[in-house]
Amino acid sequence: MTQVVALLGHPVAQSLSPRMHNAAFAVRGLDWTYVALDVLPERLEDGVRGLEALGFAGANVTAPHKVEVARIVGSDLPSVNTLVAGGAAYSTDTAILELVTKCHKPAIIGDGGAAAAFRHALPAARVFSRKSEWPPDVSGADVVINATPVRDDVLVELEAGQILIDLPYPRTATADAAARAGATVYDGLDVLVAQGAQSFELWTGVPAPVEVMRRALGLGA
C-alpha cells in the first residue's frame, strides 16, 4: 500500500519539495509519494485533522501555516514544519545549522514561522523585523539568517567571514550580493535539502539520500 506524505501551505504550486522527496523515495525503493496540497488558512484545522483520517504517513508544513499548525497539534514548539503519523510534530527548518561551523553572534531577519523556528533554536540571536527593529544591522553577526520572503531587494550587505543562511528560493538578491562580497552562503535550496532530509528520516526511519535530493533540485552533490 502506497504511503502518502503531504505538503500543507498556501500557495504551494511553486514548491520543489515533491520533486525532491519523490526522487528520494524512488532511490530508496520505498512505495511512498509526496503531494502538495494548497490549504486555505480558514480550512487549515480541517486539513490537519484530515491527515490522520485519510491515513497519511506524515506532512510538511510551509508558509503561512507553521505557527498555526503548532497551535492546532498542541506542540510546545513555536513553529512546526513536519508532522509524523501518530501525532508527533517537529521543526526541521533549522537543520541547516548542522553545517555551520560557527554561530556565536547570530542575527535573524523576519518574523514568520521559519523565523520563529530559528529564534527557538538560537535564543541569543538578535532579531530584526519590520514590526520591531528595522533596517537590519548585521555588522557584528557571524551568522545571518534571512527568514523573509524577499527575493529582489538586498536586505543586508555581508562581508567575507560572515555566513548567510538564506531561506527563500529561487536564489535572492541578498544571497548574490553576499556571495560577491566573499561571505559563505547557504541559499534556499541548501536549506530545503537540509530540512527535507531530516523530515524524510523522521517519516521513514531510513537514511536520506542527500546527494539524490540535491541532484533533483539541480544542485551538485
N, C-alpha and C. Protein backbone atom coordinates (compact mmCIF):
# COMPACT_ATOMS: atom_id res chain seq x y z
N MET A 1 0.84 -1.19 0.00
CA MET A 1 0.00 0.00 0.00
C MET A 1 0.88 1.25 0.00
N THR A 2 0.63 2.14 -0.93
CA THR A 2 1.43 3.36 -1.04
C THR A 2 1.23 4.26 0.16
N GLN A 3 2.34 4.71 0.75
CA GLN A 3 2.30 5.69 1.83
C GLN A 3 2.35 7.09 1.22
N VAL A 4 1.51 7.98 1.73
CA VAL A 4 1.41 9.32 1.17
C VAL A 4 1.83 10.35 2.22
N VAL A 5 2.65 11.30 1.77
CA VAL A 5 3.06 12.45 2.57
C VAL A 5 2.58 13.70 1.86
N ALA A 6 2.09 14.66 2.62
CA ALA A 6 1.54 15.88 2.03
C ALA A 6 2.36 17.10 2.42
N LEU A 7 2.31 18.10 1.58
CA LEU A 7 2.80 19.43 1.92
C LEU A 7 1.58 20.32 2.09
N LEU A 8 1.45 20.95 3.26
CA LEU A 8 0.34 21.87 3.53
C LEU A 8 0.86 23.29 3.48
N GLY A 9 0.29 24.11 2.63
CA GLY A 9 0.71 25.51 2.52
C GLY A 9 -0.27 26.27 1.66
N HIS A 10 0.01 27.55 1.47
CA HIS A 10 -0.82 28.39 0.61
C HIS A 10 -0.03 29.64 0.19
N PRO A 11 0.42 29.69 -1.08
CA PRO A 11 0.27 28.69 -2.14
C PRO A 11 1.37 27.65 -2.07
N VAL A 12 1.22 26.57 -2.87
CA VAL A 12 2.23 25.51 -2.88
C VAL A 12 2.65 25.12 -4.29
N ALA A 13 2.07 25.74 -5.31
CA ALA A 13 2.36 25.33 -6.69
C ALA A 13 3.83 25.47 -7.03
N GLN A 14 4.51 26.43 -6.39
CA GLN A 14 5.92 26.69 -6.72
C GLN A 14 6.87 25.78 -5.95
N SER A 15 6.37 24.95 -5.06
CA SER A 15 7.25 24.17 -4.20
C SER A 15 8.02 23.10 -4.98
N LEU A 16 9.30 22.96 -4.65
CA LEU A 16 10.13 21.91 -5.22
C LEU A 16 10.19 20.67 -4.33
N SER A 17 9.51 20.71 -3.20
CA SER A 17 9.56 19.56 -2.28
C SER A 17 9.05 18.26 -2.89
N PRO A 18 7.96 18.27 -3.68
CA PRO A 18 7.53 16.99 -4.27
C PRO A 18 8.60 16.37 -5.16
N ARG A 19 9.24 17.18 -5.99
CA ARG A 19 10.30 16.67 -6.86
C ARG A 19 11.43 16.05 -6.03
N MET A 20 11.83 16.74 -5.00
CA MET A 20 12.95 16.28 -4.18
C MET A 20 12.61 14.99 -3.42
N HIS A 21 11.46 14.98 -2.76
CA HIS A 21 11.11 13.82 -1.94
C HIS A 21 10.74 12.60 -2.78
N ASN A 22 10.06 12.79 -3.88
CA ASN A 22 9.71 11.64 -4.71
C ASN A 22 10.95 10.99 -5.31
N ALA A 23 11.96 11.81 -5.64
CA ALA A 23 13.23 11.24 -6.10
C ALA A 23 13.88 10.42 -4.99
N ALA A 24 13.81 10.94 -3.76
CA ALA A 24 14.40 10.25 -2.61
C ALA A 24 13.68 8.93 -2.32
N PHE A 25 12.36 8.95 -2.35
CA PHE A 25 11.60 7.72 -2.12
C PHE A 25 11.94 6.67 -3.18
N ALA A 26 12.04 7.12 -4.44
CA ALA A 26 12.30 6.17 -5.53
C ALA A 26 13.66 5.50 -5.37
N VAL A 27 14.69 6.27 -5.06
CA VAL A 27 16.03 5.69 -4.99
C VAL A 27 16.17 4.76 -3.78
N ARG A 28 15.36 4.98 -2.75
CA ARG A 28 15.39 4.09 -1.59
C ARG A 28 14.45 2.89 -1.76
N GLY A 29 13.76 2.83 -2.91
CA GLY A 29 12.86 1.70 -3.17
C GLY A 29 11.63 1.69 -2.29
N LEU A 30 11.18 2.88 -1.87
CA LEU A 30 10.02 2.99 -0.99
C LEU A 30 8.76 3.27 -1.81
N ASP A 31 7.69 2.57 -1.48
CA ASP A 31 6.41 2.82 -2.14
C ASP A 31 5.71 3.97 -1.43
N TRP A 32 6.30 5.14 -1.58
CA TRP A 32 5.80 6.36 -0.96
C TRP A 32 5.63 7.42 -2.04
N THR A 33 4.75 8.37 -1.78
CA THR A 33 4.60 9.51 -2.70
C THR A 33 4.34 10.77 -1.89
N TYR A 34 4.74 11.90 -2.46
CA TYR A 34 4.66 13.20 -1.80
C TYR A 34 3.83 14.11 -2.67
N VAL A 35 2.79 14.71 -2.09
CA VAL A 35 1.89 15.57 -2.85
C VAL A 35 1.76 16.93 -2.16
N ALA A 36 1.62 17.96 -2.97
CA ALA A 36 1.44 19.32 -2.44
C ALA A 36 -0.04 19.65 -2.40
N LEU A 37 -0.52 20.10 -1.24
CA LEU A 37 -1.94 20.44 -1.06
C LEU A 37 -2.06 21.91 -0.67
N ASP A 38 -2.75 22.67 -1.49
CA ASP A 38 -2.98 24.08 -1.20
C ASP A 38 -4.15 24.18 -0.23
N VAL A 39 -3.84 24.61 1.00
CA VAL A 39 -4.85 24.66 2.06
C VAL A 39 -5.03 26.10 2.50
N LEU A 40 -6.24 26.62 2.35
CA LEU A 40 -6.53 27.98 2.77
C LEU A 40 -6.45 28.08 4.30
N PRO A 41 -6.05 29.23 4.82
CA PRO A 41 -5.93 29.38 6.27
C PRO A 41 -7.20 29.00 7.03
N GLU A 42 -8.35 29.35 6.48
CA GLU A 42 -9.59 29.06 7.18
C GLU A 42 -9.96 27.57 7.16
N ARG A 43 -9.27 26.78 6.34
CA ARG A 43 -9.52 25.34 6.30
C ARG A 43 -8.37 24.53 6.89
N LEU A 44 -7.40 25.23 7.51
CA LEU A 44 -6.19 24.56 7.95
C LEU A 44 -6.46 23.49 9.01
N GLU A 45 -7.26 23.82 10.00
CA GLU A 45 -7.51 22.83 11.05
C GLU A 45 -8.17 21.59 10.48
N ASP A 46 -9.11 21.76 9.56
CA ASP A 46 -9.74 20.61 8.89
C ASP A 46 -8.69 19.80 8.14
N GLY A 47 -7.77 20.51 7.48
CA GLY A 47 -6.73 19.82 6.71
C GLY A 47 -5.82 19.00 7.59
N VAL A 48 -5.40 19.57 8.71
CA VAL A 48 -4.51 18.84 9.62
C VAL A 48 -5.22 17.63 10.20
N ARG A 49 -6.46 17.81 10.64
CA ARG A 49 -7.21 16.69 11.21
C ARG A 49 -7.46 15.61 10.16
N GLY A 50 -7.63 16.04 8.91
CA GLY A 50 -7.90 15.08 7.85
C GLY A 50 -6.74 14.18 7.50
N LEU A 51 -5.51 14.61 7.82
CA LEU A 51 -4.35 13.77 7.51
C LEU A 51 -4.45 12.41 8.19
N GLU A 52 -4.82 12.42 9.46
CA GLU A 52 -4.94 11.16 10.19
C GLU A 52 -6.10 10.34 9.68
N ALA A 53 -7.22 11.01 9.42
CA ALA A 53 -8.40 10.30 8.95
C ALA A 53 -8.15 9.61 7.61
N LEU A 54 -7.33 10.22 6.77
CA LEU A 54 -7.06 9.68 5.43
C LEU A 54 -5.84 8.76 5.41
N GLY A 55 -5.19 8.59 6.54
CA GLY A 55 -4.09 7.64 6.62
C GLY A 55 -2.77 8.14 6.06
N PHE A 56 -2.55 9.46 6.04
CA PHE A 56 -1.28 9.99 5.57
C PHE A 56 -0.16 9.56 6.51
N ALA A 57 1.02 9.32 5.93
CA ALA A 57 2.18 8.92 6.73
C ALA A 57 2.82 10.10 7.43
N GLY A 58 2.52 11.29 6.95
CA GLY A 58 3.09 12.48 7.55
C GLY A 58 2.86 13.68 6.65
N ALA A 59 3.49 14.78 7.02
CA ALA A 59 3.31 16.01 6.23
C ALA A 59 4.45 16.98 6.52
N ASN A 60 4.68 17.83 5.56
CA ASN A 60 5.44 19.06 5.77
C ASN A 60 4.45 20.21 5.83
N VAL A 61 4.87 21.26 6.49
CA VAL A 61 4.04 22.47 6.59
C VAL A 61 4.90 23.64 6.14
N THR A 62 4.36 24.45 5.24
CA THR A 62 5.08 25.63 4.78
C THR A 62 4.22 26.87 5.00
N ALA A 63 4.75 28.02 4.56
CA ALA A 63 4.07 29.29 4.79
C ALA A 63 2.67 29.27 4.20
N PRO A 64 1.71 29.90 4.88
CA PRO A 64 1.85 30.68 6.11
C PRO A 64 1.38 29.94 7.36
N HIS A 65 1.50 28.61 7.38
CA HIS A 65 0.78 27.79 8.36
C HIS A 65 1.61 27.27 9.53
N LYS A 66 2.91 27.51 9.58
CA LYS A 66 3.76 26.81 10.56
C LYS A 66 3.40 27.12 12.01
N VAL A 67 3.16 28.38 12.30
CA VAL A 67 2.83 28.76 13.68
C VAL A 67 1.46 28.23 14.07
N GLU A 68 0.51 28.34 13.17
CA GLU A 68 -0.85 27.89 13.46
C GLU A 68 -0.92 26.37 13.61
N VAL A 69 -0.16 25.63 12.82
CA VAL A 69 -0.15 24.18 12.97
C VAL A 69 0.41 23.78 14.33
N ALA A 70 1.41 24.49 14.82
CA ALA A 70 1.93 24.21 16.17
C ALA A 70 0.81 24.33 17.19
N ARG A 71 -0.03 25.34 17.03
CA ARG A 71 -1.17 25.52 17.95
C ARG A 71 -2.18 24.39 17.79
N ILE A 72 -2.49 24.04 16.55
CA ILE A 72 -3.53 23.04 16.29
C ILE A 72 -3.15 21.69 16.90
N VAL A 73 -1.89 21.31 16.78
CA VAL A 73 -1.49 19.98 17.27
C VAL A 73 -1.04 20.01 18.72
N GLY A 74 -1.05 21.20 19.34
CA GLY A 74 -0.68 21.30 20.74
C GLY A 74 0.80 21.13 21.01
N SER A 75 1.64 21.54 20.05
CA SER A 75 3.08 21.40 20.23
C SER A 75 3.63 22.48 21.15
N ASP A 76 4.69 22.14 21.87
CA ASP A 76 5.41 23.14 22.66
C ASP A 76 6.31 23.99 21.79
N LEU A 77 6.53 23.59 20.56
CA LEU A 77 7.36 24.37 19.64
C LEU A 77 6.59 25.59 19.16
N PRO A 78 7.29 26.70 18.87
CA PRO A 78 6.60 27.88 18.36
C PRO A 78 6.19 27.74 16.90
N SER A 79 6.80 26.79 16.21
CA SER A 79 6.58 26.64 14.78
C SER A 79 6.81 25.18 14.41
N VAL A 80 5.94 24.62 13.58
CA VAL A 80 6.04 23.22 13.19
C VAL A 80 6.06 23.13 11.67
N ASN A 81 7.01 22.36 11.12
CA ASN A 81 7.01 22.15 9.67
C ASN A 81 6.99 20.68 9.28
N THR A 82 6.97 19.77 10.28
CA THR A 82 6.95 18.34 9.97
C THR A 82 6.02 17.61 10.93
N LEU A 83 5.09 16.85 10.37
CA LEU A 83 4.17 16.02 11.14
C LEU A 83 4.41 14.57 10.76
N VAL A 84 4.35 13.70 11.75
CA VAL A 84 4.54 12.26 11.55
C VAL A 84 3.28 11.55 12.02
N ALA A 85 2.85 10.55 11.26
CA ALA A 85 1.66 9.79 11.64
C ALA A 85 1.77 9.33 13.08
N GLY A 86 0.68 9.49 13.81
CA GLY A 86 0.67 9.15 15.23
C GLY A 86 0.66 10.38 16.11
N GLY A 87 0.90 11.55 15.50
CA GLY A 87 0.75 12.80 16.25
C GLY A 87 2.01 13.55 16.58
N ALA A 88 3.19 13.01 16.24
CA ALA A 88 4.44 13.72 16.55
C ALA A 88 4.62 14.92 15.64
N ALA A 89 5.14 16.00 16.21
CA ALA A 89 5.35 17.24 15.47
C ALA A 89 6.76 17.76 15.71
N TYR A 90 7.39 18.24 14.65
CA TYR A 90 8.77 18.69 14.72
C TYR A 90 8.95 19.97 13.90
N SER A 91 10.08 20.62 14.13
CA SER A 91 10.56 21.63 13.20
C SER A 91 11.92 21.20 12.70
N THR A 92 12.04 21.01 11.40
CA THR A 92 13.34 20.70 10.79
C THR A 92 13.89 21.91 10.04
N ASP A 93 13.24 23.05 10.17
CA ASP A 93 13.68 24.25 9.44
C ASP A 93 15.12 24.62 9.75
N THR A 94 15.58 24.32 10.96
CA THR A 94 16.91 24.75 11.38
C THR A 94 17.98 23.69 11.14
N ALA A 95 17.66 22.64 10.40
CA ALA A 95 18.64 21.56 10.17
C ALA A 95 19.91 22.08 9.51
N ILE A 96 19.81 23.14 8.72
CA ILE A 96 20.98 23.71 8.04
C ILE A 96 22.05 24.16 9.04
N LEU A 97 21.66 24.44 10.27
CA LEU A 97 22.63 24.88 11.26
C LEU A 97 23.68 23.81 11.55
N GLU A 98 23.37 22.55 11.25
CA GLU A 98 24.34 21.48 11.47
C GLU A 98 25.56 21.62 10.56
N LEU A 99 25.42 22.38 9.48
CA LEU A 99 26.53 22.59 8.54
C LEU A 99 27.35 23.82 8.88
N VAL A 100 26.89 24.61 9.83
CA VAL A 100 27.55 25.87 10.15
C VAL A 100 28.63 25.63 11.21
N THR A 101 29.84 26.09 10.91
CA THR A 101 30.97 25.83 11.80
C THR A 101 31.05 26.81 12.96
N LYS A 102 30.42 27.95 12.85
CA LYS A 102 30.43 28.93 13.94
C LYS A 102 29.08 29.61 14.00
N CYS A 103 28.63 29.88 15.20
CA CYS A 103 27.35 30.58 15.37
C CYS A 103 27.31 31.16 16.77
N HIS A 104 28.18 32.14 17.00
CA HIS A 104 28.29 32.76 18.32
C HIS A 104 27.49 34.06 18.42
N LYS A 105 27.33 34.74 17.29
CA LYS A 105 26.61 36.02 17.27
C LYS A 105 25.62 36.00 16.12
N PRO A 106 24.56 35.21 16.23
CA PRO A 106 23.61 35.10 15.13
C PRO A 106 22.64 36.28 15.07
N ALA A 107 22.16 36.54 13.87
CA ALA A 107 21.12 37.54 13.65
C ALA A 107 20.06 36.93 12.75
N ILE A 108 18.79 37.19 13.07
CA ILE A 108 17.66 36.65 12.31
C ILE A 108 16.86 37.81 11.75
N ILE A 109 16.56 37.72 10.46
CA ILE A 109 15.74 38.74 9.82
C ILE A 109 14.40 38.10 9.44
N GLY A 110 13.31 38.59 10.02
CA GLY A 110 11.99 38.05 9.71
C GLY A 110 11.20 37.74 10.96
N ASP A 111 9.88 37.56 10.78
CA ASP A 111 9.03 37.27 11.94
C ASP A 111 7.95 36.23 11.65
N GLY A 112 8.16 35.41 10.60
CA GLY A 112 7.19 34.38 10.27
C GLY A 112 7.50 33.06 10.96
N GLY A 113 6.92 31.97 10.43
CA GLY A 113 7.06 30.67 11.06
C GLY A 113 8.48 30.14 11.06
N ALA A 114 9.19 30.30 9.94
CA ALA A 114 10.57 29.83 9.89
C ALA A 114 11.45 30.66 10.82
N ALA A 115 11.23 31.96 10.86
CA ALA A 115 11.98 32.82 11.79
C ALA A 115 11.74 32.37 13.23
N ALA A 116 10.51 32.00 13.55
CA ALA A 116 10.21 31.53 14.91
C ALA A 116 11.00 30.27 15.25
N ALA A 117 11.16 29.38 14.26
CA ALA A 117 11.94 28.16 14.49
C ALA A 117 13.40 28.50 14.79
N PHE A 118 13.95 29.44 14.05
CA PHE A 118 15.35 29.83 14.28
C PHE A 118 15.50 30.58 15.60
N ARG A 119 14.51 31.39 15.97
CA ARG A 119 14.58 32.07 17.26
C ARG A 119 14.58 31.06 18.40
N HIS A 120 13.80 29.99 18.24
CA HIS A 120 13.75 28.95 19.26
C HIS A 120 15.09 28.22 19.35
N ALA A 121 15.71 27.97 18.21
CA ALA A 121 16.99 27.26 18.19
C ALA A 121 18.14 28.14 18.63
N LEU A 122 18.01 29.46 18.41
CA LEU A 122 19.09 30.40 18.71
C LEU A 122 18.54 31.51 19.60
N PRO A 123 18.27 31.20 20.86
CA PRO A 123 17.60 32.18 21.73
C PRO A 123 18.41 33.45 21.99
N ALA A 124 19.71 33.41 21.75
CA ALA A 124 20.53 34.61 21.96
C ALA A 124 20.63 35.48 20.72
N ALA A 125 19.97 35.07 19.64
CA ALA A 125 20.09 35.81 18.38
C ALA A 125 19.44 37.19 18.47
N ARG A 126 20.03 38.12 17.76
CA ARG A 126 19.40 39.42 17.58
C ARG A 126 18.39 39.29 16.45
N VAL A 127 17.19 39.83 16.63
CA VAL A 127 16.11 39.65 15.68
C VAL A 127 15.70 41.00 15.09
N PHE A 128 15.58 41.01 13.77
CA PHE A 128 15.15 42.20 13.06
C PHE A 128 13.88 41.90 12.28
N SER A 129 12.91 42.79 12.38
CA SER A 129 11.71 42.67 11.55
C SER A 129 11.09 44.04 11.39
N ARG A 130 10.24 44.17 10.40
CA ARG A 130 9.58 45.46 10.15
C ARG A 130 8.62 45.83 11.27
N LYS A 131 8.28 44.85 12.11
CA LYS A 131 7.40 45.12 13.25
C LYS A 131 8.17 45.59 14.48
N SER A 132 9.50 45.48 14.42
CA SER A 132 10.29 45.87 15.60
C SER A 132 11.47 46.71 15.16
N GLU A 133 12.64 46.10 15.06
CA GLU A 133 13.85 46.85 14.71
C GLU A 133 14.14 46.75 13.22
N TRP A 134 14.21 47.90 12.56
CA TRP A 134 14.41 47.93 11.10
C TRP A 134 15.03 49.27 10.71
N PRO A 135 15.97 49.32 9.76
CA PRO A 135 16.50 48.22 8.96
C PRO A 135 17.48 47.36 9.75
N PRO A 136 17.77 46.17 9.26
CA PRO A 136 18.68 45.28 9.98
C PRO A 136 20.10 45.82 9.97
N ASP A 137 20.78 45.65 11.09
CA ASP A 137 22.20 45.97 11.19
C ASP A 137 22.91 44.70 11.64
N VAL A 138 23.56 44.03 10.69
CA VAL A 138 24.16 42.73 10.98
C VAL A 138 25.69 42.81 10.95
N SER A 139 26.21 43.99 11.16
CA SER A 139 27.66 44.19 11.04
C SER A 139 28.46 43.36 12.03
N GLY A 140 27.90 43.06 13.20
CA GLY A 140 28.64 42.30 14.19
C GLY A 140 28.30 40.82 14.22
N ALA A 141 27.44 40.38 13.33
CA ALA A 141 26.97 38.99 13.35
C ALA A 141 27.93 38.07 12.62
N ASP A 142 28.08 36.84 13.12
CA ASP A 142 28.85 35.85 12.36
C ASP A 142 27.94 35.03 11.46
N VAL A 143 26.69 34.82 11.87
CA VAL A 143 25.71 34.10 11.04
C VAL A 143 24.46 34.96 10.92
N VAL A 144 23.99 35.15 9.70
CA VAL A 144 22.78 35.92 9.43
C VAL A 144 21.77 35.01 8.76
N ILE A 145 20.58 34.93 9.33
CA ILE A 145 19.50 34.12 8.75
C ILE A 145 18.47 35.05 8.15
N ASN A 146 18.30 34.96 6.84
CA ASN A 146 17.24 35.72 6.18
C ASN A 146 16.02 34.83 6.08
N ALA A 147 15.06 35.05 6.97
CA ALA A 147 13.83 34.25 7.00
C ALA A 147 12.64 35.06 6.50
N THR A 148 12.91 35.98 5.59
CA THR A 148 11.83 36.75 4.94
C THR A 148 11.56 36.14 3.57
N PRO A 149 10.44 36.53 2.93
CA PRO A 149 10.19 36.06 1.56
C PRO A 149 10.78 36.98 0.49
N VAL A 150 11.56 37.98 0.90
CA VAL A 150 12.05 38.99 -0.04
C VAL A 150 13.13 38.39 -0.93
N ARG A 151 12.95 38.50 -2.25
CA ARG A 151 13.89 37.92 -3.20
C ARG A 151 14.64 38.98 -4.01
N ASP A 152 13.99 40.08 -4.34
CA ASP A 152 14.54 41.00 -5.32
C ASP A 152 15.35 42.15 -4.73
N ASP A 153 15.20 42.42 -3.46
CA ASP A 153 15.92 43.51 -2.82
C ASP A 153 17.04 42.96 -1.93
N VAL A 154 18.16 43.68 -1.89
CA VAL A 154 19.25 43.33 -0.99
C VAL A 154 18.91 43.85 0.40
N LEU A 155 18.60 42.96 1.32
CA LEU A 155 18.17 43.36 2.66
C LEU A 155 19.34 43.80 3.52
N VAL A 156 20.48 43.10 3.38
CA VAL A 156 21.68 43.42 4.15
C VAL A 156 22.89 43.13 3.27
N GLU A 157 23.96 43.82 3.55
CA GLU A 157 25.21 43.58 2.83
C GLU A 157 26.20 42.92 3.78
N LEU A 158 26.61 41.71 3.43
CA LEU A 158 27.55 40.97 4.25
C LEU A 158 28.96 41.13 3.71
N GLU A 159 29.91 40.60 4.45
CA GLU A 159 31.30 40.67 4.02
C GLU A 159 31.98 39.34 4.26
N ALA A 160 33.19 39.20 3.75
CA ALA A 160 33.94 37.96 3.93
C ALA A 160 34.07 37.64 5.42
N GLY A 161 33.92 36.37 5.75
CA GLY A 161 33.97 35.93 7.14
C GLY A 161 32.60 35.73 7.76
N GLN A 162 31.58 36.35 7.17
CA GLN A 162 30.22 36.14 7.66
C GLN A 162 29.56 34.99 6.89
N ILE A 163 28.51 34.43 7.49
CA ILE A 163 27.76 33.33 6.90
C ILE A 163 26.31 33.78 6.73
N LEU A 164 25.77 33.55 5.55
CA LEU A 164 24.36 33.84 5.29
C LEU A 164 23.60 32.53 5.09
N ILE A 165 22.53 32.36 5.85
CA ILE A 165 21.55 31.30 5.62
C ILE A 165 20.32 31.98 5.07
N ASP A 166 20.05 31.73 3.80
CA ASP A 166 19.04 32.48 3.06
C ASP A 166 17.89 31.54 2.71
N LEU A 167 16.75 31.70 3.33
CA LEU A 167 15.69 30.71 3.21
C LEU A 167 14.90 30.72 1.91
N PRO A 168 14.64 31.86 1.28
CA PRO A 168 13.79 31.81 0.08
C PRO A 168 14.51 31.13 -1.10
N TYR A 169 13.74 30.60 -2.01
CA TYR A 169 14.25 30.18 -3.30
C TYR A 169 13.21 30.54 -4.35
N PRO A 170 13.62 30.86 -5.59
CA PRO A 170 14.97 30.86 -6.15
C PRO A 170 15.90 31.81 -5.39
N ARG A 171 17.19 31.71 -5.73
CA ARG A 171 18.25 32.47 -5.06
C ARG A 171 17.93 33.96 -5.07
N THR A 172 18.18 34.61 -3.94
CA THR A 172 17.77 36.00 -3.77
C THR A 172 18.91 36.97 -4.10
N ALA A 173 18.51 38.25 -4.23
CA ALA A 173 19.50 39.31 -4.43
C ALA A 173 20.42 39.42 -3.22
N THR A 174 19.89 39.19 -2.03
CA THR A 174 20.71 39.23 -0.81
C THR A 174 21.79 38.16 -0.87
N ALA A 175 21.45 36.96 -1.29
CA ALA A 175 22.43 35.88 -1.39
C ALA A 175 23.48 36.18 -2.45
N ASP A 176 23.05 36.69 -3.59
CA ASP A 176 24.00 37.02 -4.66
C ASP A 176 24.99 38.08 -4.19
N ALA A 177 24.49 39.11 -3.51
CA ALA A 177 25.36 40.18 -3.03
C ALA A 177 26.34 39.65 -1.98
N ALA A 178 25.87 38.78 -1.10
CA ALA A 178 26.74 38.21 -0.07
C ALA A 178 27.85 37.36 -0.69
N ALA A 179 27.49 36.56 -1.70
CA ALA A 179 28.49 35.73 -2.37
C ALA A 179 29.55 36.59 -3.06
N ARG A 180 29.12 37.66 -3.72
CA ARG A 180 30.07 38.55 -4.37
C ARG A 180 31.03 39.20 -3.37
N ALA A 181 30.54 39.43 -2.16
CA ALA A 181 31.36 40.07 -1.13
C ALA A 181 32.30 39.09 -0.45
N GLY A 182 32.17 37.80 -0.73
CA GLY A 182 33.05 36.81 -0.14
C GLY A 182 32.49 36.10 1.07
N ALA A 183 31.23 36.36 1.41
CA ALA A 183 30.60 35.65 2.53
C ALA A 183 30.28 34.21 2.12
N THR A 184 30.17 33.34 3.10
CA THR A 184 29.71 31.97 2.85
C THR A 184 28.19 31.98 2.78
N VAL A 185 27.63 31.38 1.75
CA VAL A 185 26.18 31.43 1.53
C VAL A 185 25.59 30.02 1.46
N TYR A 186 24.60 29.78 2.30
CA TYR A 186 23.72 28.62 2.16
C TYR A 186 22.39 29.18 1.66
N ASP A 187 22.06 28.88 0.40
CA ASP A 187 20.86 29.50 -0.16
C ASP A 187 19.63 28.65 0.10
N GLY A 188 18.49 29.09 -0.46
CA GLY A 188 17.22 28.44 -0.14
C GLY A 188 17.16 26.98 -0.51
N LEU A 189 17.87 26.57 -1.58
CA LEU A 189 17.86 25.16 -1.95
C LEU A 189 18.70 24.33 -0.99
N ASP A 190 19.80 24.89 -0.50
CA ASP A 190 20.58 24.19 0.52
C ASP A 190 19.73 23.97 1.78
N VAL A 191 18.98 25.01 2.15
CA VAL A 191 18.11 24.91 3.33
C VAL A 191 17.02 23.88 3.10
N LEU A 192 16.45 23.87 1.89
CA LEU A 192 15.39 22.92 1.57
C LEU A 192 15.87 21.48 1.69
N VAL A 193 17.06 21.20 1.17
CA VAL A 193 17.61 19.84 1.25
C VAL A 193 17.86 19.44 2.71
N ALA A 194 18.43 20.35 3.49
CA ALA A 194 18.74 20.01 4.88
C ALA A 194 17.48 19.70 5.68
N GLN A 195 16.47 20.56 5.56
CA GLN A 195 15.26 20.29 6.33
C GLN A 195 14.51 19.09 5.75
N GLY A 196 14.57 18.93 4.42
CA GLY A 196 13.89 17.81 3.78
C GLY A 196 14.49 16.47 4.17
N ALA A 197 15.81 16.42 4.25
CA ALA A 197 16.48 15.18 4.63
C ALA A 197 16.09 14.77 6.04
N GLN A 198 16.03 15.73 6.94
CA GLN A 198 15.65 15.41 8.32
C GLN A 198 14.19 14.95 8.38
N SER A 199 13.32 15.60 7.63
CA SER A 199 11.91 15.17 7.58
C SER A 199 11.79 13.76 7.03
N PHE A 200 12.50 13.50 5.94
CA PHE A 200 12.48 12.17 5.30
C PHE A 200 12.81 11.08 6.32
N GLU A 201 13.83 11.31 7.13
CA GLU A 201 14.25 10.30 8.10
C GLU A 201 13.24 10.15 9.23
N LEU A 202 12.59 11.25 9.61
CA LEU A 202 11.55 11.16 10.64
C LEU A 202 10.36 10.33 10.15
N TRP A 203 9.99 10.48 8.89
CA TRP A 203 8.85 9.72 8.35
C TRP A 203 9.18 8.25 8.15
N THR A 204 10.34 8.00 7.52
CA THR A 204 10.63 6.66 7.01
C THR A 204 11.51 5.82 7.92
N GLY A 205 12.31 6.45 8.76
CA GLY A 205 13.30 5.72 9.53
C GLY A 205 14.47 5.24 8.70
N VAL A 206 14.58 5.75 7.49
CA VAL A 206 15.63 5.36 6.53
C VAL A 206 16.56 6.55 6.31
N PRO A 207 17.86 6.33 6.19
CA PRO A 207 18.76 7.46 5.92
C PRO A 207 18.38 8.18 4.63
N ALA A 208 18.39 9.48 4.66
CA ALA A 208 18.03 10.27 3.49
C ALA A 208 19.13 10.22 2.45
N PRO A 209 18.78 10.05 1.17
CA PRO A 209 19.78 10.09 0.10
C PRO A 209 20.06 11.55 -0.31
N VAL A 210 20.88 12.20 0.48
CA VAL A 210 21.05 13.65 0.32
C VAL A 210 21.55 14.02 -1.07
N GLU A 211 22.48 13.23 -1.60
CA GLU A 211 23.02 13.56 -2.93
C GLU A 211 21.93 13.50 -3.99
N VAL A 212 21.05 12.51 -3.89
CA VAL A 212 19.94 12.39 -4.84
C VAL A 212 18.98 13.57 -4.68
N MET A 213 18.72 13.96 -3.47
CA MET A 213 17.82 15.09 -3.22
C MET A 213 18.41 16.37 -3.81
N ARG A 214 19.71 16.54 -3.66
CA ARG A 214 20.36 17.73 -4.24
C ARG A 214 20.29 17.70 -5.77
N ARG A 215 20.56 16.54 -6.34
CA ARG A 215 20.51 16.47 -7.81
C ARG A 215 19.10 16.71 -8.34
N ALA A 216 18.09 16.29 -7.59
CA ALA A 216 16.71 16.53 -8.02
C ALA A 216 16.39 18.00 -8.11
N LEU A 217 17.14 18.83 -7.36
CA LEU A 217 16.93 20.27 -7.38
C LEU A 217 17.93 20.98 -8.28
N GLY A 218 18.74 20.20 -9.00
CA GLY A 218 19.72 20.79 -9.90
C GLY A 218 20.99 21.23 -9.22
N LEU A 219 21.25 20.71 -8.02
CA LEU A 219 22.46 21.06 -7.29
C LEU A 219 23.49 19.96 -7.45
N GLY A 220 24.75 20.33 -7.34
CA GLY A 220 25.81 19.33 -7.34
C GLY A 220 25.81 18.58 -6.03
N ALA A 221 26.29 17.37 -6.05
CA ALA A 221 26.35 16.56 -4.83
C ALA A 221 27.36 17.12 -3.86
